[in-house]
PDB file of N, CA and C in Angstrom:
ATOM      1  N   MET A   1     -10.555 -81.006   6.597  1.00  0.00           N
ATOM      2  CA  MET A   1     -10.199 -80.056   5.594  1.00  0.00           C
ATOM      3  C   MET A   1      -9.979 -78.214   6.394  1.00  0.00           C
ATOM      4  N   LYS A   2     -11.609 -79.057   6.746  1.00  0.00           N
ATOM      5  CA  LYS A   2     -12.233 -77.565   7.813  1.00  0.00           C
ATOM      6  C   LYS A   2     -11.035 -76.895   8.772  1.00  0.00           C
ATOM      7  N   ARG A   3     -10.557 -78.183   9.703  1.00  0.00           N
ATOM      8  CA  ARG A   3     -10.068 -78.284  10.515  1.00  0.00           C
ATOM      9  C   ARG A   3      -8.475 -77.850  10.557  1.00  0.00           C
ATOM     10  N   ILE A   4      -8.233 -77.916   9.035  1.00  0.00           N
ATOM     11  CA  ILE A   4      -6.548 -77.604   8.491  1.00  0.00           C
ATOM     12  C   ILE A   4      -6.898 -75.786   8.492  1.00  0.00           C
ATOM     13  N   CYS A   5      -8.092 -75.693   7.745  1.00  0.00           N
ATOM     14  CA  CYS A   5      -7.749 -74.916   7.076  1.00  0.00           C
ATOM     15  C   CYS A   5      -8.344 -73.616   8.451  1.00  0.00           C
ATOM     16  N   CYS A   6      -8.589 -73.892   9.564  1.00  0.00           N
ATOM     17  CA  CYS A   6      -9.109 -73.173  10.491  1.00  0.00           C
ATOM     18  C   CYS A   6      -7.554 -73.046  12.075  1.00  0.00           C
ATOM     19  N   LEU A   7      -7.120 -74.343  11.412  1.00  0.00           N
ATOM     20  CA  LEU A   7      -5.528 -74.348  11.778  1.00  0.00           C
ATOM     21  C   LEU A   7      -4.449 -73.127  11.536  1.00  0.00           C
ATOM     22  N   LEU A   8      -4.592 -73.302  10.292  1.00  0.00           N
ATOM     23  CA  LEU A   8      -3.644 -72.006   9.273  1.00  0.00           C
ATOM     24  C   LEU A   8      -4.307 -71.105   9.683  1.00  0.00           C
ATOM     25  N   SER A   9      -5.394 -70.301   9.250  1.00  0.00           N
ATOM     26  CA  SER A   9      -5.657 -69.653  10.049  1.00  0.00           C
ATOM     27  C   SER A   9      -4.949 -68.457  10.943  1.00  0.00           C
ATOM     28  N   ILE A  10      -5.603 -69.544  12.528  1.00  0.00           N
ATOM     29  CA  ILE A  10      -4.781 -68.989  13.489  1.00  0.00           C
ATOM     30  C   ILE A  10      -3.744 -68.962  13.764  1.00  0.00           C
ATOM     31  N   LEU A  11      -2.605 -69.901  12.889  1.00  0.00           N
ATOM     32  CA  LEU A  11      -1.143 -69.996  13.091  1.00  0.00           C
ATOM     33  C   LEU A  11      -1.205 -68.094  12.220  1.00  0.00           C
ATOM     34  N   LEU A  12      -1.784 -68.232  11.315  1.00  0.00           N
ATOM     35  CA  LEU A  12      -1.127 -66.906  10.352  1.00  0.00           C
ATOM     36  C   LEU A  12      -2.038 -65.800  11.417  1.00  0.00           C
ATOM     37  N   ILE A  13      -2.771 -65.339  12.064  1.00  0.00           N
ATOM     38  CA  ILE A  13      -2.799 -64.983  13.018  1.00  0.00           C
ATOM     39  C   ILE A  13      -2.695 -64.688  14.426  1.00  0.00           C
ATOM     40  N   MET A  14      -1.640 -66.003  14.633  1.00  0.00           N
ATOM     41  CA  MET A  14      -1.030 -65.552  16.006  1.00  0.00           C
ATOM     42  C   MET A  14       0.597 -65.125  15.368  1.00  0.00           C
ATOM     43  N   THR A  15       1.444 -65.143  14.456  1.00  0.00           N
ATOM     44  CA  THR A  15       2.327 -64.715  14.529  1.00  0.00           C
ATOM     45  C   THR A  15       3.077 -63.537  14.877  1.00  0.00           C
ATOM     46  N   PRO A  16       2.180 -62.760  13.545  1.00  0.00           N
ATOM     47  CA  PRO A  16       2.172 -61.419  14.329  1.00  0.00           C
ATOM     48  C   PRO A  16       2.840 -60.783  15.510  1.00  0.00           C
ATOM     49  N   ILE A  17       1.565 -61.659  15.793  1.00  0.00           N
ATOM     50  CA  ILE A  17       1.055 -61.339  17.520  1.00  0.00           C
ATOM     51  C   ILE A  17       2.321 -61.378  18.491  1.00  0.00           C
ATOM     52  N   ALA A  18       3.100 -62.963  18.398  1.00  0.00           N
ATOM     53  CA  ALA A  18       3.878 -62.885  18.805  1.00  0.00           C
ATOM     54  C   ALA A  18       5.005 -62.737  18.600  1.00  0.00           C
ATOM     55  N   GLN A  19       5.010 -61.850  16.947  1.00  0.00           N
ATOM     56  CA  GLN A  19       6.379 -61.272  17.190  1.00  0.00           C
ATOM     57  C   GLN A  19       6.296 -59.811  17.614  1.00  0.00           C
ATOM     58  N   VAL A  20       5.422 -59.292  18.247  1.00  0.00           N
ATOM     59  CA  VAL A  20       4.883 -57.626  18.767  1.00  0.00           C
ATOM     60  C   VAL A  20       5.037 -58.257  20.290  1.00  0.00           C
ATOM     61  N   ILE A  21       5.143 -59.677  20.409  1.00  0.00           N
ATOM     62  CA  ILE A  21       4.647 -59.557  22.359  1.00  0.00           C
ATOM     63  C   ILE A  21       6.246 -59.612  22.683  1.00  0.00           C
ATOM     64  N   ALA A  22       6.991 -60.372  21.013  1.00  0.00           N
ATOM     65  CA  ALA A  22       8.550 -60.836  21.832  1.00  0.00           C
ATOM     66  C   ALA A  22       9.181 -59.289  21.697  1.00  0.00           C
ATOM     67  N   GLN A  23       8.890 -58.358  20.944  1.00  0.00           N
ATOM     68  CA  GLN A  23       9.834 -57.536  20.234  1.00  0.00           C
ATOM     69  C   GLN A  23       9.297 -56.175  21.427  1.00  0.00           C
ATOM     70  N   THR A  24       8.216 -56.497  22.455  1.00  0.00           N
ATOM     71  CA  THR A  24       7.914 -54.806  23.015  1.00  0.00           C
ATOM     72  C   THR A  24       9.073 -55.288  24.250  1.00  0.00           C
ATOM     73  N   PRO A  25       9.620 -53.825  24.502  1.00  0.00           N
ATOM     74  CA  PRO A  25      10.640 -53.684  25.274  1.00  0.00           C
ATOM     75  C   PRO A  25       9.757 -53.769  27.282  1.00  0.00           C
ATOM     76  N   THR A  26      10.680 -54.566  28.094  1.00  0.00           N
ATOM     77  CA  THR A  26      10.060 -54.796  29.473  1.00  0.00           C
ATOM     78  C   THR A  26      10.090 -53.121  29.990  1.00  0.00           C
ATOM     79  N   ASN A  27       9.392 -53.604  31.452  1.00  0.00           N
ATOM     80  CA  ASN A  27       9.182 -52.029  31.705  1.00  0.00           C
ATOM     81  C   ASN A  27      10.857 -51.558  32.397  1.00  0.00           C
ATOM     82  N   LEU A  28      11.631 -52.155  32.748  1.00  0.00           N
ATOM     83  CA  LEU A  28      12.884 -51.815  32.654  1.00  0.00           C
ATOM     84  C   LEU A  28      13.541 -51.249  31.475  1.00  0.00           C
ATOM     85  N   ASP A  29      13.416 -52.310  30.731  1.00  0.00           N
ATOM     86  CA  ASP A  29      14.331 -51.197  29.735  1.00  0.00           C
ATOM     87  C   ASP A  29      13.468 -49.578  29.319  1.00  0.00           C
ATOM     88  N   HIS A  30      11.997 -49.610  29.447  1.00  0.00           N
ATOM     89  CA  HIS A  30      11.769 -48.359  29.482  1.00  0.00           C
ATOM     90  C   HIS A  30      11.828 -47.127  30.216  1.00  0.00           C
ATOM     91  N   VAL A  31      11.751 -47.156  31.662  1.00  0.00           N
ATOM     92  CA  VAL A  31      12.224 -46.478  32.431  1.00  0.00           C
ATOM     93  C   VAL A  31      13.416 -45.868  31.962  1.00  0.00           C
ATOM     94  N   LYS A  32      14.575 -47.216  32.153  1.00  0.00           N
ATOM     95  CA  LYS A  32      15.694 -46.630  31.385  1.00  0.00           C
ATOM     96  C   LYS A  32      15.896 -45.641  30.617  1.00  0.00           C
ATOM     97  N   LYS A  33      15.248 -45.828  29.424  1.00  0.00           N
ATOM     98  CA  LYS A  33      15.008 -45.330  28.118  1.00  0.00           C
ATOM     99  C   LYS A  33      14.653 -43.552  28.901  1.00  0.00           C
ATOM    100  N   ASN A  34      13.597 -43.737  29.443  1.00  0.00           N
ATOM    101  CA  ASN A  34      12.551 -42.504  29.689  1.00  0.00           C
ATOM    102  C   ASN A  34      14.130 -41.763  30.562  1.00  0.00           C
ATOM    103  N   VAL A  35      14.608 -42.101  31.682  1.00  0.00           N
ATOM    104  CA  VAL A  35      15.670 -41.386  32.596  1.00  0.00           C
ATOM    105  C   VAL A  35      16.412 -40.943  31.433  1.00  0.00           C
ATOM    106  N   ALA A  36      17.498 -42.047  30.708  1.00  0.00           N
ATOM    107  CA  ALA A  36      18.472 -41.320  29.746  1.00  0.00           C
ATOM    108  C   ALA A  36      17.735 -40.505  28.651  1.00  0.00           C
ATOM    109  N   LYS A  37      16.772 -40.439  28.392  1.00  0.00           N
ATOM    110  CA  LYS A  37      15.545 -39.110  27.832  1.00  0.00           C
ATOM    111  C   LYS A  37      15.711 -37.601  28.433  1.00  0.00           C
ATOM    112  N   LEU A  38      15.517 -38.496  29.804  1.00  0.00           N
ATOM    113  CA  LEU A  38      14.885 -36.855  30.493  1.00  0.00           C
ATOM    114  C   LEU A  38      17.183 -35.808  31.053  1.00  0.00           C
ATOM    115  N   GLY A  39      18.001 -37.077  30.779  1.00  0.00           N
ATOM    116  CA  GLY A  39      19.115 -36.695  30.818  1.00  0.00           C
ATOM    117  C   GLY A  39      19.601 -36.187  32.820  1.00  0.00           C
ATOM    118  N   VAL A  40      20.456 -35.276  32.830  1.00  0.00           N
ATOM    119  CA  VAL A  40      20.857 -35.307  33.795  1.00  0.00           C
ATOM    120  C   VAL A  40      21.035 -33.416  34.071  1.00  0.00           C
ATOM    121  N   GLY A  41      20.353 -33.072  35.956  1.00  0.00           N
ATOM    122  CA  GLY A  41      20.951 -31.603  35.336  1.00  0.00           C
ATOM    123  C   GLY A  41      19.801 -30.602  36.323  1.00  0.00           C
ATOM    124  N   SER A  42      19.399 -29.707  36.794  1.00  0.00           N
ATOM    125  CA  SER A  42      18.448 -29.208  36.914  1.00  0.00           C
ATOM    126  C   SER A  42      17.246 -28.831  36.195  1.00  0.00           C
ATOM    127  N   LYS A  43      17.404 -29.030  34.678  1.00  0.00           N
ATOM    128  CA  LYS A  43      16.364 -29.308  33.994  1.00  0.00           C
ATOM    129  C   LYS A  43      16.399 -30.325  33.783  1.00  0.00           C
ATOM    130  N   ALA A  44      16.408 -31.252  34.336  1.00  0.00           N
ATOM    131  CA  ALA A  44      15.885 -32.810  33.603  1.00  0.00           C
ATOM    132  C   ALA A  44      14.735 -33.169  35.104  1.00  0.00           C
ATOM    133  N   LYS A  45      14.059 -32.203  34.914  1.00  0.00           N
ATOM    134  CA  LYS A  45      12.434 -32.418  36.349  1.00  0.00           C
ATOM    135  C   LYS A  45      11.702 -33.405  35.632  1.00  0.00           C
ATOM    136  N   ALA A  46      11.477 -34.307  36.722  1.00  0.00           N
ATOM    137  CA  ALA A  46      10.705 -35.664  36.516  1.00  0.00           C
ATOM    138  C   ALA A  46       9.384 -35.905  38.273  1.00  0.00           C
ATOM    139  N   THR A  47       8.423 -36.917  37.256  1.00  0.00           N
ATOM    140  CA  THR A  47       8.165 -37.035  38.565  1.00  0.00           C
ATOM    141  C   THR A  47       7.968 -38.409  39.027  1.00  0.00           C
ATOM    142  N   ILE A  48       8.368 -39.733  39.866  1.00  0.00           N
ATOM    143  CA  ILE A  48       8.817 -40.669  39.488  1.00  0.00           C
ATOM    144  C   ILE A  48       7.834 -41.561  40.332  1.00  0.00           C
ATOM    145  N   THR A  49       7.131 -42.543  39.637  1.00  0.00           N
ATOM    146  CA  THR A  49       6.147 -43.080  39.917  1.00  0.00           C
ATOM    147  C   THR A  49       6.659 -44.565  40.740  1.00  0.00           C
ATOM    148  N   LEU A  50       6.505 -44.923  41.893  1.00  0.00           N
ATOM    149  CA  LEU A  50       6.848 -46.259  42.533  1.00  0.00           C
ATOM    150  C   LEU A  50       5.840 -47.134  42.347  1.00  0.00           C
ATOM    151  N   HIS A  51       6.001 -48.646  42.299  1.00  0.00           N
ATOM    152  CA  HIS A  51       5.649 -49.470  42.588  1.00  0.00           C
ATOM    153  C   HIS A  51       3.977 -49.217  43.550  1.00  0.00           C
ATOM    154  N   ASP A  52       5.266 -48.763  44.604  1.00  0.00           N
ATOM    155  CA  ASP A  52       4.430 -48.934  46.207  1.00  0.00           C
ATOM    156  C   ASP A  52       3.109 -47.810  46.183  1.00  0.00           C
ATOM    157  N   GLY A  53       3.043 -46.880  44.703  1.00  0.00           N
ATOM    158  CA  GLY A  53       2.311 -45.676  45.010  1.00  0.00           C
ATOM    159  C   GLY A  53       3.084 -44.550  45.419  1.00  0.00           C
ATOM    160  N   SER A  54       4.168 -44.364  46.016  1.00  0.00           N
ATOM    161  CA  SER A  54       4.730 -43.459  46.027  1.00  0.00           C
ATOM    162  C   SER A  54       4.823 -42.603  44.828  1.00  0.00           C
ATOM    163  N   LYS A  55       4.977 -41.135  45.140  1.00  0.00           N
ATOM    164  CA  LYS A  55       5.481 -40.177  44.030  1.00  0.00           C
ATOM    165  C   LYS A  55       6.625 -39.666  44.729  1.00  0.00           C
ATOM    166  N   VAL A  56       8.137 -39.193  43.751  1.00  0.00           N
ATOM    167  CA  VAL A  56       9.259 -38.740  43.362  1.00  0.00           C
ATOM    168  C   VAL A  56       9.118 -37.260  43.424  1.00  0.00           C
ATOM    169  N   LYS A  57       9.185 -36.198  43.577  1.00  0.00           N
ATOM    170  CA  LYS A  57       9.193 -35.106  42.460  1.00  0.00           C
ATOM    171  C   LYS A  57      10.678 -34.721  42.587  1.00  0.00           C
ATOM    172  N   GLY A  58      11.890 -34.366  41.565  1.00  0.00           N
ATOM    173  CA  GLY A  58      12.457 -33.070  41.328  1.00  0.00           C
ATOM    174  C   GLY A  58      13.457 -33.720  39.939  1.00  0.00           C
ATOM    175  N   TYR A  59      14.824 -33.153  40.418  1.00  0.00           N
ATOM    176  CA  TYR A  59      14.992 -33.318  38.719  1.00  0.00           C
ATOM    177  C   TYR A  59      16.681 -34.480  39.125  1.00  0.00           C
ATOM    178  N   VAL A  60      16.348 -35.457  38.300  1.00  0.00           N
ATOM    179  CA  VAL A  60      17.681 -36.046  37.957  1.00  0.00           C
ATOM    180  C   VAL A  60      18.742 -35.815  38.232  1.00  0.00           C
ATOM    181  N   TYR A  61      19.645 -36.084  39.280  1.00  0.00           N
ATOM    182  CA  TYR A  61      21.119 -35.771  39.488  1.00  0.00           C
ATOM    183  C   TYR A  61      22.282 -36.326  38.640  1.00  0.00           C
ATOM    184  N   SER A  62      22.074 -37.769  38.757  1.00  0.00           N
ATOM    185  CA  SER A  62      22.765 -38.817  38.030  1.00  0.00           C
ATOM    186  C   SER A  62      22.016 -40.105  38.022  1.00  0.00           C
ATOM    187  N   ALA A  63      22.688 -40.721  36.541  1.00  0.00           N
ATOM    188  CA  ALA A  63      22.076 -42.079  36.653  1.00  0.00           C
ATOM    189  C   ALA A  63      23.196 -42.934  36.517  1.00  0.00           C
ATOM    190  N   GLY A  64      22.709 -44.633  36.828  1.00  0.00           N
ATOM    191  CA  GLY A  64      23.989 -44.684  36.431  1.00  0.00           C
ATOM    192  C   GLY A  64      23.051 -46.504  35.908  1.00  0.00           C
ATOM    193  N   ASP A  65      24.099 -47.449  36.085  1.00  0.00           N
ATOM    194  CA  ASP A  65      23.430 -48.653  35.364  1.00  0.00           C
ATOM    195  C   ASP A  65      21.974 -48.953  35.817  1.00  0.00           C
ATOM    196  N   GLU A  66      22.359 -49.576  37.557  1.00  0.00           N
ATOM    197  CA  GLU A  66      21.281 -49.950  38.114  1.00  0.00           C
ATOM    198  C   GLU A  66      20.439 -48.770  39.113  1.00  0.00           C
ATOM    199  N   ASP A  67      20.897 -47.970  39.244  1.00  0.00           N
ATOM    200  CA  ASP A  67      20.141 -47.053  40.350  1.00  0.00           C
ATOM    201  C   ASP A  67      19.746 -45.494  38.989  1.00  0.00           C
ATOM    202  N   PHE A  68      19.931 -44.681  40.155  1.00  0.00           N
ATOM    203  CA  PHE A  68      19.646 -43.451  39.737  1.00  0.00           C
ATOM    204  C   PHE A  68      19.206 -42.057  40.871  1.00  0.00           C
ATOM    205  N   VAL A  69      19.407 -41.145  40.724  1.00  0.00           N
ATOM    206  CA  VAL A  69      19.488 -40.371  42.344  1.00  0.00           C
ATOM    207  C   VAL A  69      18.165 -38.900  41.827  1.00  0.00           C
ATOM    208  N   VAL A  70      17.052 -38.601  42.010  1.00  0.00           N
ATOM    209  CA  VAL A  70      16.500 -37.451  42.151  1.00  0.00           C
ATOM    210  C   VAL A  70      16.637 -36.759  43.589  1.00  0.00           C
ATOM    211  N   ARG A  71      17.107 -35.542  43.347  1.00  0.00           N
ATOM    212  CA  ARG A  71      17.160 -34.711  43.790  1.00  0.00           C
ATOM    213  C   ARG A  71      16.027 -33.725  44.092  1.00  0.00           C
ATOM    214  N   ASP A  72      15.467 -33.568  45.639  1.00  0.00           N
ATOM    215  CA  ASP A  72      14.210 -32.646  45.070  1.00  0.00           C
ATOM    216  C   ASP A  72      14.470 -30.993  44.599  1.00  0.00           C
ATOM    217  N   LYS A  73      13.854 -30.462  44.446  1.00  0.00           N
ATOM    218  CA  LYS A  73      14.334 -29.328  43.919  1.00  0.00           C
ATOM    219  C   LYS A  73      13.988 -28.181  45.049  1.00  0.00           C
ATOM    220  N   LYS A  74      13.482 -28.120  46.216  1.00  0.00           N
ATOM    221  CA  LYS A  74      13.453 -26.959  47.340  1.00  0.00           C
ATOM    222  C   LYS A  74      14.414 -27.164  48.272  1.00  0.00           C
ATOM    223  N   THR A  75      14.364 -28.797  48.460  1.00  0.00           N
ATOM    224  CA  THR A  75      15.173 -28.840  50.145  1.00  0.00           C
ATOM    225  C   THR A  75      16.491 -29.702  49.814  1.00  0.00           C
ATOM    226  N   ASP A  76      16.947 -29.909  48.030  1.00  0.00           N
ATOM    227  CA  ASP A  76      18.486 -30.341  47.403  1.00  0.00           C
ATOM    228  C   ASP A  76      18.383 -32.109  48.568  1.00  0.00           C
ATOM    229  N   LYS A  77      17.471 -32.633  48.449  1.00  0.00           N
ATOM    230  CA  LYS A  77      17.698 -33.679  49.011  1.00  0.00           C
ATOM    231  C   LYS A  77      18.125 -34.945  47.921  1.00  0.00           C
ATOM    232  N   PRO A  78      19.086 -35.219  48.506  1.00  0.00           N
ATOM    233  CA  PRO A  78      18.900 -36.816  47.494  1.00  0.00           C
ATOM    234  C   PRO A  78      18.029 -37.671  47.714  1.00  0.00           C
ATOM    235  N   THR A  79      17.392 -38.519  46.217  1.00  0.00           N
ATOM    236  CA  THR A  79      16.658 -40.105  46.804  1.00  0.00           C
ATOM    237  C   THR A  79      17.157 -40.893  45.625  1.00  0.00           C
ATOM    238  N   THR A  80      17.974 -41.614  46.121  1.00  0.00           N
ATOM    239  CA  THR A  80      18.525 -42.745  45.661  1.00  0.00           C
ATOM    240  C   THR A  80      17.536 -44.262  44.779  1.00  0.00           C
ATOM    241  N   ILE A  81      17.034 -44.152  43.486  1.00  0.00           N
ATOM    242  CA  ILE A  81      15.488 -44.883  42.969  1.00  0.00           C
ATOM    243  C   ILE A  81      16.267 -46.306  41.952  1.00  0.00           C
ATOM    244  N   ARG A  82      15.854 -47.313  42.467  1.00  0.00           N
ATOM    245  CA  ARG A  82      16.752 -48.265  41.695  1.00  0.00           C
ATOM    246  C   ARG A  82      15.162 -48.162  40.742  1.00  0.00           C
ATOM    247  N   TYR A  83      15.388 -49.311  39.597  1.00  0.00           N
ATOM    248  CA  TYR A  83      15.113 -48.514  37.945  1.00  0.00           C
ATOM    249  C   TYR A  83      13.841 -49.731  38.149  1.00  0.00           C
ATOM    250  N   ALA A  84      13.744 -51.051  38.774  1.00  0.00           N
ATOM    251  CA  ALA A  84      13.077 -52.334  39.242  1.00  0.00           C
ATOM    252  C   ALA A  84      12.352 -51.696  39.963  1.00  0.00           C
ATOM    253  N   GLU A  85      12.635 -50.316  40.768  1.00  0.00           N
ATOM    254  CA  GLU A  85      11.343 -49.604  42.045  1.00  0.00           C
ATOM    255  C   GLU A  85      10.377 -48.903  41.277  1.00  0.00           C
ATOM    256  N   VAL A  86      10.442 -48.333  39.688  1.00  0.00           N
ATOM    257  CA  VAL A  86       9.879 -47.133  39.077  1.00  0.00           C
ATOM    258  C   VAL A  86       8.845 -48.433  38.515  1.00  0.00           C
ATOM    259  N   LYS A  87       7.429 -47.342  38.267  1.00  0.00           N
ATOM    260  CA  LYS A  87       6.596 -47.828  38.034  1.00  0.00           C
ATOM    261  C   LYS A  87       6.073 -46.946  36.307  1.00  0.00           C
ATOM    262  N   ASN A  88       6.302 -45.220  36.160  1.00  0.00           N
ATOM    263  CA  ASN A  88       6.333 -44.623  35.849  1.00  0.00           C
ATOM    264  C   ASN A  88       7.022 -43.503  35.673  1.00  0.00           C
ATOM    265  N   VAL A  89       7.850 -42.819  34.587  1.00  0.00           N
ATOM    266  CA  VAL A  89       8.243 -41.291  35.163  1.00  0.00           C
ATOM    267  C   VAL A  89       7.934 -40.934  33.754  1.00  0.00           C
ATOM    268  N   ASP A  90       7.795 -39.612  34.823  1.00  0.00           N
ATOM    269  CA  ASP A  90       7.035 -37.923  33.944  1.00  0.00           C
ATOM    270  C   ASP A  90       8.008 -37.089  34.069  1.00  0.00           C
ATOM    271  N   ASP A  91       8.057 -36.705  32.944  1.00  0.00           N
ATOM    272  CA  ASP A  91       8.337 -35.159  32.721  1.00  0.00           C
ATOM    273  C   ASP A  91       7.848 -34.245  33.245  1.00  0.00           C
ATOM    274  N   ASN A  92       8.338 -33.523  33.785  1.00  0.00           N
ATOM    275  CA  ASN A  92       8.161 -31.906  34.304  1.00  0.00           C
ATOM    276  C   ASN A  92       8.630 -31.276  33.138  1.00  0.00           C
ATOM    277  N   ARG A  93       9.564 -31.048  32.353  1.00  0.00           N
ATOM    278  CA  ARG A  93       9.560 -29.855  31.596  1.00  0.00           C
ATOM    279  C   ARG A  93       9.294 -28.927  30.525  1.00  0.00           C
ATOM    280  N   GLY A  94       7.765 -29.049  31.083  1.00  0.00           N
ATOM    281  CA  GLY A  94       6.948 -27.768  30.080  1.00  0.00           C
ATOM    282  C   GLY A  94       5.821 -28.095  30.302  1.00  0.00           C
ATOM    283  N   HIS A  95       5.156 -26.645  29.752  1.00  0.00           N
ATOM    284  CA  HIS A  95       3.454 -26.490  30.003  1.00  0.00           C
ATOM    285  C   HIS A  95       2.670 -28.263  28.647  1.00  0.00           C
ATOM    286  N   HIS A  96       2.848 -29.045  28.565  1.00  0.00           N
ATOM    287  CA  HIS A  96       2.439 -28.641  27.267  1.00  0.00           C
ATOM    288  C   HIS A  96       1.306 -28.669  26.710  1.00  0.00           C
ATOM    289  N   THR A  97      -0.227 -28.602  27.682  1.00  0.00           N
ATOM    290  CA  THR A  97      -1.405 -27.773  26.974  1.00  0.00           C
ATOM    291  C   THR A  97      -1.024 -26.771  26.398  1.00  0.00           C
ATOM    292  N   ALA A  98      -0.087 -25.633  27.050  1.00  0.00           N
ATOM    293  CA  ALA A  98      -0.332 -24.202  26.948  1.00  0.00           C
ATOM    294  C   ALA A  98       0.780 -24.687  25.260  1.00  0.00           C
ATOM    295  N   LYS A  99       1.486 -25.671  25.206  1.00  0.00           N
ATOM    296  CA  LYS A  99       2.060 -25.745  23.613  1.00  0.00           C
ATOM    297  C   LYS A  99       1.050 -25.729  22.886  1.00  0.00           C
ATOM    298  N   LEU A 100      -0.116 -26.833  23.014  1.00  0.00           N
ATOM    299  CA  LEU A 100      -1.174 -27.485  22.731  1.00  0.00           C
ATOM    300  C   LEU A 100      -2.019 -26.194  21.988  1.00  0.00           C
ATOM    301  N   VAL A 101      -2.202 -25.208  22.891  1.00  0.00           N
ATOM    302  CA  VAL A 101      -2.549 -24.161  22.618  1.00  0.00           C
ATOM    303  C   VAL A 101      -2.637 -22.759  22.018  1.00  0.00           C
ATOM    304  N   VAL A 102      -1.536 -22.583  21.858  1.00  0.00           N
ATOM    305  CA  VAL A 102      -1.185 -22.135  21.341  1.00  0.00           C
ATOM    306  C   VAL A 102      -0.663 -22.682  19.791  1.00  0.00           C
ATOM    307  N   LEU A 103      -0.247 -23.325  19.732  1.00  0.00           N
ATOM    308  CA  LEU A 103      -0.428 -24.367  17.945  1.00  0.00           C
ATOM    309  C   LEU A 103      -1.792 -24.612  17.444  1.00  0.00           C
ATOM    310  N   PHE A 104      -3.201 -24.411  18.447  1.00  0.00           N
ATOM    311  CA  PHE A 104      -4.287 -24.693  17.358  1.00  0.00           C
ATOM    312  C   PHE A 104      -4.290 -23.105  17.276  1.00  0.00           C
ATOM    313  N   VAL A 105      -4.415 -22.669  18.267  1.00  0.00           N
ATOM    314  CA  VAL A 105      -4.739 -20.614  17.978  1.00  0.00           C
ATOM    315  C   VAL A 105      -3.950 -20.036  17.048  1.00  0.00           C
ATOM    316  N   GLY A 106      -2.532 -20.481  16.583  1.00  0.00           N
ATOM    317  CA  GLY A 106      -1.921 -20.234  14.859  1.00  0.00           C
ATOM    318  C   GLY A 106      -2.100 -20.625  14.357  1.00  0.00           C
ATOM    319  N   ILE A 107      -2.870 -21.843  14.483  1.00  0.00           N
ATOM    320  CA  ILE A 107      -3.818 -22.638  12.668  1.00  0.00           C
ATOM    321  C   ILE A 107      -4.687 -22.335  12.575  1.00  0.00           C
ATOM    322  N   GLY A 108      -5.205 -21.833  13.572  1.00  0.00           N
ATOM    323  CA  GLY A 108      -6.531 -21.733  13.519  1.00  0.00           C
ATOM    324  C   GLY A 108      -6.837 -19.919  12.948  1.00  0.00           C
ATOM    325  N   ALA A 109      -5.767 -18.829  13.444  1.00  0.00           N
ATOM    326  CA  ALA A 109      -5.312 -17.611  12.407  1.00  0.00           C
ATOM    327  C   ALA A 109      -4.857 -17.898  11.397  1.00  0.00           C
ATOM    328  N   ALA A 110      -4.817 -18.705  10.911  1.00  0.00           N
ATOM    329  CA  ALA A 110      -3.316 -18.722   9.514  1.00  0.00           C
ATOM    330  C   ALA A 110      -5.119 -19.102   8.692  1.00  0.00           C
ATOM    331  N   VAL A 111      -5.577 -19.908   9.502  1.00  0.00           N
ATOM    332  CA  VAL A 111      -6.719 -20.564   8.274  1.00  0.00           C
ATOM    333  C   VAL A 111      -7.779 -19.339   8.231  1.00  0.00           C
ATOM    334  N   THR A 112      -8.003 -18.468   9.314  1.00  0.00           N
ATOM    335  CA  THR A 112      -8.469 -17.330   9.542  1.00  0.00           C
ATOM    336  C   THR A 112      -8.412 -16.136   8.231  1.00  0.00           C
ATOM    337  N   VAL A 113      -6.850 -15.653   8.117  1.00  0.00           N
ATOM    338  CA  VAL A 113      -6.241 -14.942   6.885  1.00  0.00           C
ATOM    339  C   VAL A 113      -5.902 -15.754   5.876  1.00  0.00           C
ATOM    340  N   ALA A 114      -6.101 -16.708   5.908  1.00  0.00           N
ATOM    341  CA  ALA A 114      -5.874 -16.982   4.438  1.00  0.00           C
ATOM    342  C   ALA A 114      -7.190 -17.505   3.537  1.00  0.00           C
ATOM    343  N   SER A 115      -9.036 -17.659   4.721  1.00  0.00           N
ATOM    344  CA  SER A 115      -9.982 -17.483   3.873  1.00  0.00           C
ATOM    345  C   SER A 115     -10.592 -16.239   3.716  1.00  0.00           C
ATOM    346  N   VAL A 116     -10.550 -15.195   4.416  1.00  0.00           N
ATOM    347  CA  VAL A 116     -10.236 -13.504   4.343  1.00  0.00           C
ATOM    348  C   VAL A 116      -9.405 -13.545   3.021  1.00  0.00           C
ATOM    349  N   PHE A 117      -8.240 -13.664   2.489  1.00  0.00           N
ATOM    350  CA  PHE A 117      -7.592 -12.897   1.237  1.00  0.00           C
ATOM    351  C   PHE A 117      -8.293 -13.722   0.467  1.00  0.00           C
ATOM    352  N   GLY A 118      -8.099 -15.234   0.430  1.00  0.00           N
ATOM    353  CA  GLY A 118      -9.326 -15.648  -0.645  1.00  0.00           C
ATOM    354  C   GLY A 118     -10.584 -15.351  -1.173  1.00  0.00           C
ATOM    355  N   ALA A 119     -11.202 -14.565  -0.250  1.00  0.00           N
ATOM    356  CA  ALA A 119     -12.538 -14.133  -0.239  1.00  0.00           C
ATOM    357  C   ALA A 119     -12.203 -13.357  -0.738  1.00  0.00           C
ATOM    358  N   ILE A 120     -11.671 -12.219  -0.178  1.00  0.00           N
ATOM    359  CA  ILE A 120     -11.145 -10.410  -1.061  1.00  0.00           C
ATOM    360  C   ILE A 120     -10.738 -11.319  -2.965  1.00  0.00           C
ATOM    361  N   LEU A 121      -9.852 -12.392  -3.102  1.00  0.00           N
ATOM    362  CA  LEU A 121      -9.790 -12.263  -4.247  1.00  0.00           C
ATOM    363  C   LEU A 121     -10.751 -13.013  -5.003  1.00  0.00           C
ATOM    364  N   ALA A 122     -11.557 -13.155  -4.490  1.00  0.00           N
ATOM    365  CA  ALA A 122     -13.077 -13.517  -5.495  1.00  0.00           C
ATOM    366  C   ALA A 122     -13.310 -12.780  -5.562  1.00  0.00           C
ATOM    367  N   ASN A 123     -14.321 -11.488  -5.181  1.00  0.00           N
ATOM    368  CA  ASN A 123     -14.634 -10.448  -5.338  1.00  0.00           C
ATOM    369  C   ASN A 123     -14.306  -9.660  -5.848  1.00  0.00           C
ATOM    370  N   GLU A 124     -12.444  -9.440  -6.041  1.00  0.00           N
ATOM    371  CA  GLU A 124     -12.276  -9.035  -7.306  1.00  0.00           C
ATOM    372  C   GLU A 124     -12.143  -8.863  -8.327  1.00  0.00           C
ATOM    373  N   ARG A 125     -12.520 -10.198  -8.802  1.00  0.00           N
ATOM    374  CA  ARG A 125     -12.431 -10.703  -9.581  1.00  0.00           C
ATOM    375  C   ARG A 125     -13.522 -10.564 -11.005  1.00  0.00           C
TER     376      ARG A 125
END
């Protein structure tokens, strides 16, 4: 009886894990989504990391079914990259850290102003 309970417990635990594993996209699908999300044109800046460890910086000039073209910003030299060769795609569209700093400073200022007004209202009563 203990064996049946243990087997059923293991089965119940493994079923959701197997479903999650089956639903995770492959690296190729993930790379295609990231390149499609970047778009095409001079504002689609990216840093592409390949499986051999090299990096290609520039903007996505065109994207196809099997490969895409990245052009260097300075030399405008095209580099054709196959999706299967890509390890990671990082977008370089903005300063993420600067945006976070401005957001947190704004939230801090709002909290400070609200607490000052709250203290003033509490003292007037």
